[in-house]
Amino acid sequence: MTTPTLGDLIDKYKELETYVEAEDAAYGAAMKPYKDAINLIKSAVLAELQRTGQQNAKSENGGTAYQQTSMSVKVDNREQFLDFISQQGRWDMLDAGALKEPVKDWLDKNNGVEPPGLKVSYFTKCNIRRS
């Protein structure tokens, strides 16, 4: 048996990737009516819970449905929000993170010296794309 060449491996990768994509699409299409039915049932159950003023309900076979209220927060006006944070001292409302592009720019301009408080690491991965 001969050792596959790099080209053979790339071709096999693309063949398998194409097969998996097709199977994923077929599976998604086959499951769509079931997922739609699940969502329709959940909507109907929520509507009935709300209509009857119940927080939760149980089935005879041990299932339980319950209402859960969640919250989503989005910064709509960054400047106003930061002014509010600063004036009120509510730093607990912020999530500190570092953005890659400005950090990369800093590293480029400062001989690779990391900004204080950051640890920069690199990794290499292999990508294979269609020609």
Protein backbone atom coordinates (compact mmCIF):
# COMPACT_ATOMS: atom_id res chain seq x y z
CA MET A 1 0.00 0.00 0.00
CA THR A 2 1.37 3.38 -0.96
CA THR A 3 1.44 6.38 1.32
CA PRO A 4 -1.09 8.99 0.19
CA THR A 5 0.35 12.21 -1.13
CA LEU A 6 -0.55 15.61 0.26
CA GLY A 7 -2.74 16.13 -2.80
CA ASP A 8 -4.51 12.79 -2.15
CA LEU A 9 -5.25 13.84 1.43
CA ILE A 10 -6.61 17.22 0.34
CA ASP A 11 -8.82 15.56 -2.29
CA LYS A 12 -10.12 13.02 0.24
CA TYR A 13 -10.81 15.81 2.72
CA LYS A 14 -12.86 17.70 0.13
CA GLU A 15 -14.72 14.51 -0.86
CA LEU A 16 -15.65 13.79 2.76
CA GLU A 17 -16.51 17.42 3.47
CA THR A 18 -18.88 17.49 0.46
CA TYR A 19 -20.50 14.24 1.59
CA VAL A 20 -20.97 15.49 5.17
CA GLU A 21 -22.42 18.81 3.98
CA ALA A 22 -24.94 16.98 1.77
CA GLU A 23 -25.91 14.60 4.57
CA ASP A 24 -26.26 17.49 7.05
CA ALA A 25 -28.51 19.33 4.61
CA ALA A 26 -30.62 16.20 4.03
CA TYR A 27 -30.88 15.59 7.77
CA GLY A 28 -31.86 19.21 8.37
CA ALA A 29 -34.55 18.98 5.70
CA ALA A 30 -35.87 15.70 7.11
CA MET A 31 -35.99 17.10 10.67
CA LYS A 32 -37.54 20.46 9.74
CA PRO A 33 -41.19 19.32 10.02
CA TYR A 34 -40.48 17.78 13.43
CA LYS A 35 -38.67 20.88 14.69
CA ASP A 36 -41.49 23.06 13.37
CA ALA A 37 -44.02 20.85 15.18
CA ILE A 38 -42.02 21.06 18.41
CA ASN A 39 -41.95 24.86 18.19
CA LEU A 40 -45.66 25.01 17.40
CA ILE A 41 -46.48 22.82 20.41
CA LYS A 42 -44.24 24.89 22.70
CA SER A 43 -45.97 28.07 21.52
CA ALA A 44 -49.39 26.54 22.13
CA VAL A 45 -48.41 25.35 25.61
CA LEU A 46 -46.99 28.79 26.50
CA ALA A 47 -50.15 30.49 25.25
CA GLU A 48 -52.30 28.15 27.36
CA LEU A 49 -50.14 28.66 30.47
CA GLN A 50 -50.45 32.41 30.04
CA ARG A 51 -54.18 32.27 29.29
CA THR A 52 -54.86 30.21 32.42
CA GLY A 53 -52.39 32.12 34.62
CA GLN A 54 -50.32 29.03 35.39
CA GLN A 55 -46.57 29.18 35.90
CA ASN A 56 -46.17 25.47 35.11
CA ALA A 57 -48.11 22.32 34.24
CA LYS A 58 -47.39 18.60 34.30
CA SER A 59 -48.42 15.80 32.00
CA GLU A 60 -49.59 12.37 33.13
CA ASN A 61 -46.35 10.85 31.79
CA GLY A 62 -44.02 13.00 33.86
CA GLY A 63 -43.32 15.93 31.53
CA THR A 64 -43.40 19.47 32.87
CA ALA A 65 -43.83 22.74 31.00
CA TYR A 66 -42.99 26.01 32.71
CA GLN A 67 -42.64 29.66 31.86
CA GLN A 68 -39.21 31.25 32.06
CA THR A 69 -38.57 34.93 31.54
CA SER A 70 -35.12 35.86 30.26
CA MET A 71 -33.49 39.20 29.58
CA SER A 72 -31.39 40.39 26.67
CA VAL A 73 -29.24 43.52 26.97
CA LYS A 74 -27.69 45.46 24.09
CA VAL A 75 -25.78 48.73 24.20
CA ASP A 76 -27.85 51.11 22.10
CA ASN A 77 -25.79 54.27 22.65
CA ARG A 78 -22.23 53.52 23.78
CA GLU A 79 -21.31 57.09 24.72
CA GLN A 80 -24.43 57.62 26.86
CA PHE A 81 -23.94 54.26 28.55
CA LEU A 82 -20.27 54.92 29.37
CA ASP A 83 -21.16 58.39 30.71
CA PHE A 84 -23.81 56.77 32.93
CA ILE A 85 -21.34 54.13 34.16
CA SER A 86 -18.75 56.80 34.95
CA GLN A 87 -21.20 59.16 36.70
CA GLN A 88 -22.87 56.42 38.74
CA GLY A 89 -19.72 54.39 39.43
CA ARG A 90 -21.52 51.28 38.19
CA TRP A 91 -18.46 49.53 36.75
CA ASP A 92 -20.15 46.20 37.59
CA MET A 93 -22.34 46.72 34.50
CA LEU A 94 -19.35 46.42 32.17
CA ASP A 95 -17.69 43.34 30.76
CA ALA A 96 -14.04 43.90 29.95
CA GLY A 97 -12.66 42.17 26.89
CA ALA A 98 -9.84 42.78 24.48
CA LEU A 99 -10.32 43.27 20.73
CA LYS A 100 -7.82 41.43 18.54
CA GLU A 101 -7.24 44.05 15.84
CA PRO A 102 -6.32 46.95 18.18
CA VAL A 103 -4.12 44.56 20.21
CA LYS A 104 -2.40 43.38 17.01
CA ASP A 105 -1.86 47.02 16.02
CA TRP A 106 -0.34 47.72 19.48
CA LEU A 107 1.96 44.69 19.21
CA ASP A 108 3.09 45.76 15.73
CA LYS A 109 3.90 49.27 16.94
CA ASN A 110 5.57 48.14 20.18
CA ASN A 111 7.92 45.37 19.03
CA GLY A 112 5.60 42.60 20.23
CA VAL A 113 5.41 43.89 23.81
CA GLU A 114 2.00 42.94 25.18
CA PRO A 115 -0.24 45.59 26.69
CA PRO A 116 -0.33 45.33 30.50
CA GLY A 117 -2.79 42.73 31.75
CA LEU A 118 -2.99 40.77 28.50
CA LYS A 119 -1.51 37.45 27.51
CA VAL A 120 -1.30 36.96 23.76
CA SER A 121 -0.88 33.51 22.29
CA TYR A 122 -0.85 32.22 18.74
CA PHE A 123 -2.03 28.99 17.19
CA THR A 124 -1.84 27.53 13.72
CA LYS A 125 -4.57 25.52 12.09
CA CYS A 126 -5.01 23.98 8.70
CA ASN A 127 -7.77 25.20 6.40
CA ILE A 128 -8.72 23.48 3.18
CA ARG A 129 -10.98 25.22 0.72
CA ARG A 130 -12.51 24.50 -2.63
CA SER A 131 -10.52 25.74 -5.61
